[in-house]
N, C-alpha and C. Protein backbone atom coordinates (compact mmCIF):
# COMPACT_ATOMS: atom_id res chain seq x y z
N ALA A 1 149.18 107.22 109.26
CA ALA A 1 148.46 106.50 108.23
C ALA A 1 147.57 105.44 108.87
N THR A 2 146.39 105.28 108.30
CA THR A 2 145.43 104.33 108.83
C THR A 2 145.65 102.92 108.30
N GLY A 3 146.47 102.79 107.28
CA GLY A 3 146.69 101.48 106.69
C GLY A 3 145.62 101.09 105.70
N ARG A 4 144.62 101.96 105.50
CA ARG A 4 143.57 101.66 104.53
C ARG A 4 144.07 101.90 103.13
N ARG A 5 143.74 101.01 102.25
CA ARG A 5 144.10 101.14 100.84
C ARG A 5 143.18 102.15 100.18
N VAL A 6 143.75 103.04 99.42
CA VAL A 6 142.96 104.00 98.67
C VAL A 6 142.44 103.31 97.41
N ASP A 7 141.13 103.40 97.20
CA ASP A 7 140.53 102.80 96.03
C ASP A 7 140.53 103.84 94.92
N LEU A 8 141.42 103.67 93.97
CA LEU A 8 141.60 104.65 92.92
C LEU A 8 141.21 104.05 91.58
N ALA A 9 140.32 104.71 90.89
CA ALA A 9 139.92 104.30 89.55
C ALA A 9 140.18 105.46 88.61
N MET A 10 140.34 105.15 87.35
CA MET A 10 140.54 106.20 86.36
C MET A 10 139.42 106.12 85.33
N THR A 11 138.89 107.28 84.98
CA THR A 11 137.93 107.37 83.89
C THR A 11 138.66 107.95 82.69
N THR A 12 138.49 107.32 81.54
CA THR A 12 139.22 107.72 80.35
C THR A 12 138.34 107.59 79.12
N ASN A 13 138.71 108.30 78.06
CA ASN A 13 138.02 108.09 76.79
C ASN A 13 138.57 106.87 76.08
N GLY A 14 139.68 106.31 76.56
CA GLY A 14 140.21 105.05 76.05
C GLY A 14 140.97 105.12 74.74
N ALA A 15 141.12 106.31 74.17
CA ALA A 15 141.72 106.43 72.84
C ALA A 15 143.17 105.97 72.78
N THR A 16 143.93 106.14 73.86
CA THR A 16 145.33 105.70 73.86
C THR A 16 145.57 104.58 74.87
N LEU A 17 144.53 104.00 75.36
CA LEU A 17 144.64 102.97 76.38
C LEU A 17 145.39 101.74 75.91
N ARG A 18 145.31 101.44 74.62
CA ARG A 18 146.03 100.27 74.11
C ARG A 18 147.53 100.41 74.31
N LEU A 19 148.02 101.65 74.36
CA LEU A 19 149.44 101.90 74.58
C LEU A 19 149.80 101.95 76.07
N LEU A 20 148.84 102.35 76.90
CA LEU A 20 149.11 102.63 78.30
C LEU A 20 148.64 101.58 79.29
N ALA A 21 147.73 100.72 78.90
CA ALA A 21 147.09 99.79 79.85
C ALA A 21 148.10 98.96 80.65
N PRO A 22 149.08 98.32 80.03
CA PRO A 22 150.01 97.51 80.83
C PRO A 22 150.78 98.34 81.86
N ASP A 23 151.24 99.53 81.46
CA ASP A 23 151.98 100.38 82.40
C ASP A 23 151.09 100.87 83.54
N LEU A 24 149.86 101.23 83.25
CA LEU A 24 148.93 101.67 84.31
C LEU A 24 148.67 100.53 85.30
N ARG A 25 148.52 99.34 84.78
CA ARG A 25 148.28 98.18 85.65
C ARG A 25 149.50 97.89 86.52
N ARG A 26 150.69 97.92 85.92
CA ARG A 26 151.92 97.70 86.69
C ARG A 26 152.12 98.77 87.76
N ALA A 27 151.63 99.98 87.49
CA ALA A 27 151.77 101.08 88.46
C ALA A 27 150.80 100.94 89.63
N GLY A 28 149.86 99.99 89.54
CA GLY A 28 148.97 99.73 90.66
C GLY A 28 147.52 100.12 90.46
N LEU A 29 147.18 100.70 89.33
CA LEU A 29 145.78 101.03 89.06
C LEU A 29 145.01 99.73 88.83
N ALA A 30 143.89 99.57 89.52
CA ALA A 30 143.16 98.30 89.44
C ALA A 30 141.89 98.39 88.60
N ARG A 31 141.28 99.57 88.55
CA ARG A 31 139.97 99.68 87.89
C ARG A 31 139.98 100.79 86.86
N LEU A 32 139.24 100.56 85.78
CA LEU A 32 139.10 101.55 84.72
C LEU A 32 137.63 101.76 84.39
N ASN A 33 137.28 103.00 84.15
CA ASN A 33 135.98 103.37 83.60
C ASN A 33 136.26 104.00 82.24
N ILE A 34 135.65 103.46 81.22
CA ILE A 34 135.88 103.96 79.87
C ILE A 34 134.59 104.57 79.36
N SER A 35 134.65 105.85 79.01
CA SER A 35 133.48 106.54 78.47
C SER A 35 133.29 106.11 77.02
N LEU A 36 132.12 105.57 76.73
CA LEU A 36 131.84 105.06 75.39
C LEU A 36 130.34 105.18 75.15
N ASP A 37 129.93 106.17 74.39
CA ASP A 37 128.51 106.44 74.21
C ASP A 37 127.90 105.83 72.96
N SER A 38 128.70 105.18 72.14
CA SER A 38 128.16 104.50 70.97
C SER A 38 129.14 103.44 70.49
N LEU A 39 128.59 102.35 69.97
CA LEU A 39 129.38 101.30 69.34
C LEU A 39 129.33 101.40 67.82
N ARG A 40 128.64 102.42 67.31
CA ARG A 40 128.51 102.62 65.87
C ARG A 40 129.51 103.69 65.43
N PRO A 41 130.39 103.37 64.49
CA PRO A 41 131.49 104.28 64.13
C PRO A 41 131.07 105.71 63.81
N GLU A 42 130.08 105.89 62.95
CA GLU A 42 129.72 107.25 62.56
C GLU A 42 129.07 108.02 63.73
N ARG A 43 128.30 107.33 64.54
CA ARG A 43 127.68 107.96 65.71
C ARG A 43 128.73 108.29 66.76
N PHE A 44 129.66 107.35 66.97
CA PHE A 44 130.75 107.60 67.91
C PHE A 44 131.52 108.86 67.49
N ALA A 45 131.86 108.95 66.21
CA ALA A 45 132.63 110.09 65.71
C ALA A 45 131.88 111.41 65.94
N ALA A 46 130.58 111.39 65.75
CA ALA A 46 129.79 112.61 65.96
C ALA A 46 129.75 112.99 67.44
N LEU A 47 129.57 112.02 68.33
CA LEU A 47 129.49 112.31 69.75
C LEU A 47 130.85 112.69 70.34
N ALA A 48 131.90 111.98 69.96
CA ALA A 48 133.23 112.21 70.51
C ALA A 48 134.00 113.29 69.77
N ARG A 49 133.48 113.68 68.61
CA ARG A 49 134.14 114.64 67.73
C ARG A 49 135.50 114.14 67.26
N ARG A 50 135.63 112.81 67.23
CA ARG A 50 136.85 112.15 66.75
C ARG A 50 136.47 110.78 66.21
N ASP A 51 137.12 110.35 65.16
CA ASP A 51 136.87 109.04 64.59
C ASP A 51 137.88 108.05 65.18
N ARG A 52 137.66 107.67 66.46
CA ARG A 52 138.65 106.83 67.15
C ARG A 52 138.01 105.60 67.79
N LEU A 53 136.85 105.18 67.32
CA LEU A 53 136.19 104.02 67.92
C LEU A 53 137.08 102.78 67.88
N ALA A 54 137.76 102.54 66.77
CA ALA A 54 138.62 101.36 66.66
C ALA A 54 139.70 101.38 67.74
N GLN A 55 140.29 102.54 67.99
CA GLN A 55 141.33 102.65 69.02
C GLN A 55 140.76 102.42 70.41
N VAL A 56 139.54 102.91 70.66
CA VAL A 56 138.91 102.72 71.97
C VAL A 56 138.61 101.23 72.18
N LEU A 57 138.11 100.55 71.17
CA LEU A 57 137.83 99.11 71.29
C LEU A 57 139.12 98.32 71.51
N GLU A 58 140.20 98.73 70.84
CA GLU A 58 141.50 98.10 71.08
C GLU A 58 141.95 98.37 72.52
N GLY A 59 141.68 99.57 73.02
CA GLY A 59 142.04 99.92 74.39
C GLY A 59 141.28 99.09 75.40
N ILE A 60 140.01 98.81 75.13
CA ILE A 60 139.21 97.95 76.01
C ILE A 60 139.82 96.55 76.07
N ASP A 61 140.19 96.02 74.91
CA ASP A 61 140.84 94.70 74.87
C ASP A 61 142.17 94.72 75.62
N ALA A 62 142.94 95.78 75.44
CA ALA A 62 144.24 95.90 76.12
C ALA A 62 144.05 95.97 77.63
N ALA A 63 143.00 96.65 78.07
CA ALA A 63 142.73 96.77 79.51
C ALA A 63 142.40 95.42 80.12
N THR A 64 141.56 94.66 79.46
CA THR A 64 141.21 93.34 80.00
C THR A 64 142.42 92.40 79.92
N ASP A 65 143.19 92.49 78.84
CA ASP A 65 144.40 91.66 78.71
C ASP A 65 145.42 92.00 79.79
N ALA A 66 145.47 93.27 80.22
CA ALA A 66 146.42 93.71 81.25
C ALA A 66 145.96 93.31 82.65
N GLY A 67 144.73 92.81 82.77
CA GLY A 67 144.26 92.35 84.07
C GLY A 67 143.37 93.32 84.83
N PHE A 68 142.91 94.37 84.19
CA PHE A 68 142.00 95.29 84.86
C PHE A 68 140.67 94.58 85.10
N ASP A 69 140.19 94.68 86.33
CA ASP A 69 138.92 94.07 86.68
C ASP A 69 138.34 94.80 87.89
N PRO A 70 137.24 95.45 87.72
CA PRO A 70 136.40 95.46 86.53
C PRO A 70 136.81 96.53 85.53
N VAL A 71 136.38 96.34 84.29
CA VAL A 71 136.43 97.38 83.27
C VAL A 71 134.99 97.80 83.06
N LYS A 72 134.69 99.04 83.41
CA LYS A 72 133.33 99.55 83.30
C LYS A 72 133.24 100.48 82.10
N LEU A 73 132.16 100.36 81.37
CA LEU A 73 131.89 101.24 80.24
C LEU A 73 130.81 102.22 80.66
N ASN A 74 131.14 103.50 80.66
CA ASN A 74 130.17 104.54 81.01
C ASN A 74 129.44 104.99 79.75
N VAL A 75 128.16 104.70 79.69
CA VAL A 75 127.34 105.02 78.52
C VAL A 75 126.26 106.02 78.94
N VAL A 76 126.40 107.26 78.51
CA VAL A 76 125.37 108.25 78.80
C VAL A 76 124.27 108.07 77.76
N MET A 77 123.09 107.70 78.23
CA MET A 77 121.97 107.48 77.31
C MET A 77 121.32 108.81 76.99
N ILE A 78 121.17 109.10 75.69
CA ILE A 78 120.62 110.37 75.24
C ILE A 78 119.47 110.08 74.28
N ARG A 79 118.28 110.54 74.69
CA ARG A 79 117.08 110.31 73.88
C ARG A 79 117.27 110.83 72.45
N GLY A 80 116.97 109.95 71.49
CA GLY A 80 117.06 110.33 70.09
C GLY A 80 118.47 110.35 69.53
N VAL A 81 119.45 110.01 70.35
CA VAL A 81 120.84 110.00 69.90
C VAL A 81 121.41 108.59 69.95
N ASN A 82 121.41 107.96 71.14
CA ASN A 82 121.98 106.62 71.26
C ASN A 82 121.12 105.67 72.09
N ASP A 83 119.89 106.08 72.40
CA ASP A 83 119.03 105.25 73.25
C ASP A 83 118.59 103.96 72.58
N ASP A 84 118.88 103.80 71.30
CA ASP A 84 118.58 102.56 70.60
C ASP A 84 119.73 101.55 70.68
N GLU A 85 120.79 101.88 71.43
CA GLU A 85 121.96 101.00 71.50
C GLU A 85 122.08 100.24 72.82
N ALA A 86 121.12 100.35 73.70
CA ALA A 86 121.23 99.67 74.99
C ALA A 86 121.42 98.16 74.81
N VAL A 87 120.68 97.56 73.91
CA VAL A 87 120.79 96.12 73.66
C VAL A 87 122.18 95.79 73.10
N ASP A 88 122.71 96.65 72.22
CA ASP A 88 124.05 96.42 71.68
C ASP A 88 125.10 96.41 72.79
N PHE A 89 124.99 97.37 73.71
CA PHE A 89 125.94 97.43 74.82
C PHE A 89 125.77 96.23 75.75
N ALA A 90 124.55 95.80 75.97
CA ALA A 90 124.31 94.62 76.81
C ALA A 90 124.97 93.40 76.19
N ALA A 91 124.82 93.22 74.89
CA ALA A 91 125.44 92.08 74.20
C ALA A 91 126.96 92.19 74.24
N PHE A 92 127.49 93.37 74.04
CA PHE A 92 128.94 93.61 74.08
C PHE A 92 129.51 93.22 75.46
N GLY A 93 128.85 93.64 76.51
CA GLY A 93 129.29 93.30 77.86
C GLY A 93 129.07 91.85 78.21
N ARG A 94 128.00 91.30 77.69
CA ARG A 94 127.64 89.90 78.01
C ARG A 94 128.68 88.93 77.51
N GLN A 95 129.31 89.25 76.38
CA GLN A 95 130.29 88.36 75.76
C GLN A 95 131.66 88.46 76.41
N ARG A 96 131.86 89.47 77.24
CA ARG A 96 133.17 89.73 77.85
C ARG A 96 132.96 89.99 79.33
N ARG A 97 134.02 90.24 80.04
CA ARG A 97 133.91 90.61 81.45
C ARG A 97 133.84 92.13 81.57
N LEU A 98 132.96 92.72 80.80
CA LEU A 98 132.78 94.18 80.81
C LEU A 98 131.51 94.52 81.56
N LYS A 99 131.48 95.71 82.11
CA LYS A 99 130.33 96.15 82.87
C LYS A 99 129.80 97.46 82.29
N PRO A 100 128.92 97.39 81.28
CA PRO A 100 128.33 98.62 80.79
C PRO A 100 127.47 99.24 81.89
N ARG A 101 127.59 100.55 82.04
CA ARG A 101 126.78 101.27 83.02
C ARG A 101 126.03 102.36 82.27
N PHE A 102 124.72 102.25 82.28
CA PHE A 102 123.89 103.23 81.61
C PHE A 102 123.66 104.40 82.55
N ILE A 103 124.08 105.56 82.12
CA ILE A 103 124.04 106.77 82.94
C ILE A 103 122.95 107.68 82.40
N GLU A 104 122.09 108.13 83.29
CA GLU A 104 121.04 109.06 82.88
C GLU A 104 121.65 110.41 82.54
N PHE A 105 121.24 110.94 81.42
CA PHE A 105 121.67 112.26 80.97
C PHE A 105 121.26 113.29 82.01
N MET A 106 122.19 114.13 82.42
CA MET A 106 121.91 115.15 83.43
C MET A 106 121.96 116.54 82.80
N PRO A 107 121.11 117.43 83.23
CA PRO A 107 121.04 118.77 82.63
C PRO A 107 122.14 119.69 83.16
N ILE A 108 123.39 119.36 82.87
CA ILE A 108 124.50 120.21 83.29
C ILE A 108 125.29 120.63 82.07
N GLY A 109 125.93 121.76 82.15
CA GLY A 109 126.75 122.22 81.04
C GLY A 109 125.93 122.43 79.79
N ARG A 110 126.53 122.14 78.65
CA ARG A 110 125.87 122.32 77.36
C ARG A 110 124.91 121.17 77.11
N ARG A 111 123.67 121.47 76.82
CA ARG A 111 122.67 120.43 76.54
C ARG A 111 122.81 119.94 75.12
N VAL A 112 122.68 118.65 74.94
CA VAL A 112 122.79 118.04 73.61
C VAL A 112 121.60 118.49 72.77
N GLY A 113 121.88 119.11 71.65
CA GLY A 113 120.83 119.54 70.74
C GLY A 113 119.96 120.63 71.32
N GLY A 114 120.36 121.24 72.43
CA GLY A 114 119.58 122.31 73.03
C GLY A 114 118.29 121.84 73.66
N MET A 115 118.09 120.53 73.81
CA MET A 115 116.84 120.00 74.36
C MET A 115 117.13 119.05 75.50
N TRP A 116 116.11 118.82 76.30
CA TRP A 116 116.19 117.83 77.36
C TRP A 116 116.18 116.45 76.73
N ARG A 117 117.17 115.61 76.99
CA ARG A 117 117.29 114.30 76.34
C ARG A 117 117.37 113.16 77.34
N PHE A 118 116.77 113.31 78.49
CA PHE A 118 116.81 112.35 79.59
C PHE A 118 116.13 111.04 79.22
N VAL A 119 116.81 109.90 79.47
CA VAL A 119 116.26 108.56 79.26
C VAL A 119 116.25 107.88 80.63
N PRO A 120 115.07 107.67 81.23
CA PRO A 120 115.03 107.07 82.57
C PRO A 120 115.47 105.61 82.59
N ARG A 121 116.01 105.20 83.72
CA ARG A 121 116.47 103.81 83.91
C ARG A 121 115.37 102.82 83.55
N ALA A 122 114.13 103.09 83.95
CA ALA A 122 113.03 102.16 83.69
C ALA A 122 112.87 101.89 82.19
N ARG A 123 113.08 102.90 81.36
CA ARG A 123 112.93 102.72 79.91
C ARG A 123 114.04 101.82 79.37
N VAL A 124 115.26 101.99 79.86
CA VAL A 124 116.37 101.15 79.40
C VAL A 124 116.14 99.71 79.87
N LEU A 125 115.76 99.54 81.13
CA LEU A 125 115.47 98.20 81.66
C LEU A 125 114.41 97.50 80.83
N SER A 126 113.37 98.22 80.49
CA SER A 126 112.29 97.64 79.70
C SER A 126 112.80 97.16 78.34
N GLY A 127 113.68 97.93 77.72
CA GLY A 127 114.23 97.56 76.42
C GLY A 127 115.16 96.36 76.47
N LEU A 128 115.73 96.08 77.65
CA LEU A 128 116.67 94.97 77.78
C LEU A 128 115.97 93.64 78.08
N LYS A 129 114.68 93.65 78.26
CA LYS A 129 113.94 92.43 78.62
C LYS A 129 114.05 91.33 77.58
N ARG A 130 114.39 91.67 76.34
CA ARG A 130 114.48 90.64 75.30
C ARG A 130 115.58 89.64 75.58
N PHE A 131 116.59 90.02 76.39
CA PHE A 131 117.65 89.10 76.77
C PHE A 131 117.23 88.17 77.88
N GLY A 132 116.17 88.49 78.57
CA GLY A 132 115.73 87.69 79.70
C GLY A 132 115.65 88.54 80.95
N LYS A 133 115.46 87.88 82.06
CA LYS A 133 115.27 88.58 83.32
C LYS A 133 116.62 89.04 83.89
N LEU A 134 116.66 90.28 84.32
CA LEU A 134 117.84 90.81 84.99
C LEU A 134 117.70 90.58 86.48
N GLU A 135 118.75 90.03 87.09
CA GLU A 135 118.75 89.78 88.53
C GLU A 135 119.71 90.75 89.21
N PRO A 136 119.30 91.37 90.32
CA PRO A 136 120.21 92.28 91.03
C PRO A 136 121.44 91.53 91.55
N VAL A 137 122.61 92.18 91.48
CA VAL A 137 123.85 91.61 92.00
C VAL A 137 124.60 92.69 92.77
N GLU A 138 125.58 92.25 93.54
CA GLU A 138 126.43 93.18 94.27
C GLU A 138 127.29 93.99 93.30
N SER A 139 127.74 95.14 93.74
CA SER A 139 128.62 95.97 92.93
C SER A 139 129.91 95.22 92.62
N PRO A 140 130.41 95.33 91.38
CA PRO A 140 131.65 94.65 91.01
C PRO A 140 132.90 95.37 91.51
N GLY A 141 132.75 96.31 92.42
CA GLY A 141 133.91 97.03 92.94
C GLY A 141 133.71 98.51 92.84
N GLY A 142 134.14 99.22 93.84
CA GLY A 142 134.08 100.66 93.82
C GLY A 142 133.03 101.25 94.74
N GLY A 143 132.02 100.48 95.10
CA GLY A 143 131.04 100.92 96.07
C GLY A 143 130.34 102.23 95.76
N GLY A 144 130.19 102.57 94.52
CA GLY A 144 129.59 103.85 94.15
C GLY A 144 128.08 103.77 94.04
N PRO A 145 127.48 104.75 93.41
CA PRO A 145 126.03 104.86 93.36
C PRO A 145 125.34 103.96 92.33
N ALA A 146 126.10 103.26 91.51
CA ALA A 146 125.47 102.42 90.48
C ALA A 146 124.79 101.21 91.11
N ARG A 147 123.69 100.80 90.49
CA ARG A 147 123.00 99.56 90.86
C ARG A 147 123.23 98.57 89.73
N TYR A 148 123.58 97.33 90.09
CA TYR A 148 124.01 96.35 89.10
C TYR A 148 123.05 95.18 88.99
N PHE A 149 123.01 94.62 87.76
CA PHE A 149 122.16 93.48 87.43
C PHE A 149 122.96 92.54 86.54
N ARG A 150 122.49 91.30 86.44
CA ARG A 150 123.13 90.32 85.57
C ARG A 150 122.05 89.47 84.91
N PHE A 151 122.30 89.13 83.65
CA PHE A 151 121.48 88.12 82.97
C PHE A 151 122.05 86.77 83.33
N ARG A 152 121.21 85.78 83.47
CA ARG A 152 121.69 84.43 83.76
C ARG A 152 122.68 83.98 82.69
N GLY A 153 123.82 83.49 83.14
CA GLY A 153 124.84 82.98 82.23
C GLY A 153 125.76 84.03 81.63
N ALA A 154 125.54 85.30 81.91
CA ALA A 154 126.38 86.35 81.35
C ALA A 154 127.67 86.48 82.12
N LEU A 155 128.76 86.84 81.44
CA LEU A 155 130.05 87.05 82.10
C LEU A 155 130.07 88.40 82.82
N GLY A 156 129.50 89.41 82.22
CA GLY A 156 129.54 90.75 82.80
C GLY A 156 128.23 91.14 83.45
N THR A 157 128.22 92.31 84.03
CA THR A 157 127.02 92.86 84.64
C THR A 157 126.59 94.09 83.87
N ILE A 158 125.43 94.59 84.21
CA ILE A 158 124.92 95.84 83.66
C ILE A 158 124.60 96.74 84.84
N GLY A 159 125.07 97.97 84.76
CA GLY A 159 124.83 98.91 85.84
C GLY A 159 124.00 100.09 85.38
N PHE A 160 123.40 100.74 86.35
CA PHE A 160 122.61 101.94 86.10
C PHE A 160 123.02 103.00 87.09
N ILE A 161 123.37 104.17 86.59
CA ILE A 161 123.63 105.33 87.43
C ILE A 161 122.47 106.28 87.13
N SER A 162 121.53 106.28 88.05
CA SER A 162 120.24 106.96 87.83
C SER A 162 120.15 108.23 88.66
N SER A 163 120.95 109.18 88.29
CA SER A 163 121.02 110.42 89.08
C SER A 163 119.74 111.24 89.01
N MET A 164 118.96 111.06 87.98
CA MET A 164 117.73 111.85 87.84
C MET A 164 116.52 111.12 88.40
N SER A 165 116.38 109.81 88.13
CA SER A 165 115.19 109.10 88.59
C SER A 165 115.38 108.44 89.95
N ASP A 166 116.61 108.40 90.44
CA ASP A 166 116.89 107.80 91.75
C ASP A 166 118.00 108.63 92.40
N HIS A 167 117.63 109.77 92.96
CA HIS A 167 118.64 110.66 93.55
C HIS A 167 119.41 109.92 94.63
N PHE A 168 120.72 109.82 94.45
CA PHE A 168 121.55 109.04 95.37
C PHE A 168 122.53 109.90 96.16
N CYS A 169 122.28 111.18 96.23
CA CYS A 169 123.22 112.09 96.90
C CYS A 169 123.57 111.64 98.32
N ALA A 170 122.59 111.13 99.05
CA ALA A 170 122.82 110.75 100.45
C ALA A 170 123.78 109.57 100.58
N ARG A 171 123.91 108.74 99.54
CA ARG A 171 124.80 107.59 99.63
C ARG A 171 126.00 107.67 98.68
N CYS A 172 126.22 108.83 98.10
CA CYS A 172 127.36 109.01 97.19
C CYS A 172 128.65 109.10 98.00
N ASN A 173 129.67 108.40 97.54
CA ASN A 173 130.96 108.39 98.23
C ASN A 173 132.10 108.81 97.31
N ARG A 174 131.81 109.60 96.30
CA ARG A 174 132.79 109.91 95.28
C ARG A 174 133.48 111.25 95.50
N LEU A 175 134.74 111.27 95.14
CA LEU A 175 135.53 112.49 95.05
C LEU A 175 136.27 112.37 93.74
N ARG A 176 136.20 113.41 92.91
CA ARG A 176 136.79 113.33 91.58
C ARG A 176 137.91 114.34 91.43
N LEU A 177 138.98 113.91 90.82
CA LEU A 177 140.08 114.80 90.46
C LEU A 177 139.98 114.99 88.95
N THR A 178 139.76 116.21 88.53
CA THR A 178 139.59 116.47 87.10
C THR A 178 140.95 116.50 86.40
N ALA A 179 140.93 116.40 85.09
CA ALA A 179 142.17 116.40 84.31
C ALA A 179 142.94 117.70 84.47
N ASP A 180 142.24 118.79 84.83
CA ASP A 180 142.93 120.07 85.02
C ASP A 180 143.23 120.37 86.48
N GLY A 181 143.15 119.34 87.34
CA GLY A 181 143.63 119.47 88.71
C GLY A 181 142.64 119.94 89.76
N TYR A 182 141.35 119.97 89.44
CA TYR A 182 140.35 120.39 90.42
C TYR A 182 139.71 119.18 91.08
N LEU A 183 139.33 119.34 92.35
CA LEU A 183 138.58 118.31 93.04
C LEU A 183 137.11 118.65 92.95
N ARG A 184 136.30 117.64 92.67
CA ARG A 184 134.85 117.83 92.61
C ARG A 184 134.19 116.70 93.41
N ASN A 185 133.26 117.08 94.27
CA ASN A 185 132.56 116.05 95.02
C ASN A 185 131.21 115.73 94.40
N CYS A 186 130.82 116.48 93.38
CA CYS A 186 129.51 116.28 92.77
C CYS A 186 129.57 116.69 91.31
N LEU A 187 128.97 115.88 90.46
CA LEU A 187 128.92 116.24 89.04
C LEU A 187 128.04 117.47 88.80
N PHE A 188 127.13 117.74 89.72
CA PHE A 188 126.25 118.90 89.57
C PHE A 188 126.93 120.19 90.02
N SER A 189 128.06 120.09 90.74
CA SER A 189 128.70 121.31 91.26
C SER A 189 129.55 121.98 90.21
């Protein structure tokens, strides 16, 4: 053994996190990524195919109460679906120690609505200017491909995973274990 600590994070839909967060933290998990593509109940239900937004929001609170840091929110931006919520997510993260990460929609698997729905990072950044100037900051942990920014005075950061407009394959350091037991080194594979 090299003595190096394995940096392990879990990505979850957060629906049962309110029940599991303390146990996961006690077991040694330090970081959580919660997939959350909308803060609007009816839109969330349509995207997730479940009406569980309240449970996910409770799970986010439970995760921060249990001491998870950082808690990252993975938000896949989809043109014409949720691209009008970037400001809502920025405000949500700004009020807490949350790190919303806007992820560019990638053309893999089933396409939403059968159409290309890519929202480039530059468009989201432009929409967030109403809060003020975003300043680049170091990654809040995990050393992955996201680039992070902060508004002056904000508790949380905002990240961008720009797989389409900023190909980061050469600096990607991720290995993923899927829920069904497969290892994947790339979301495109």
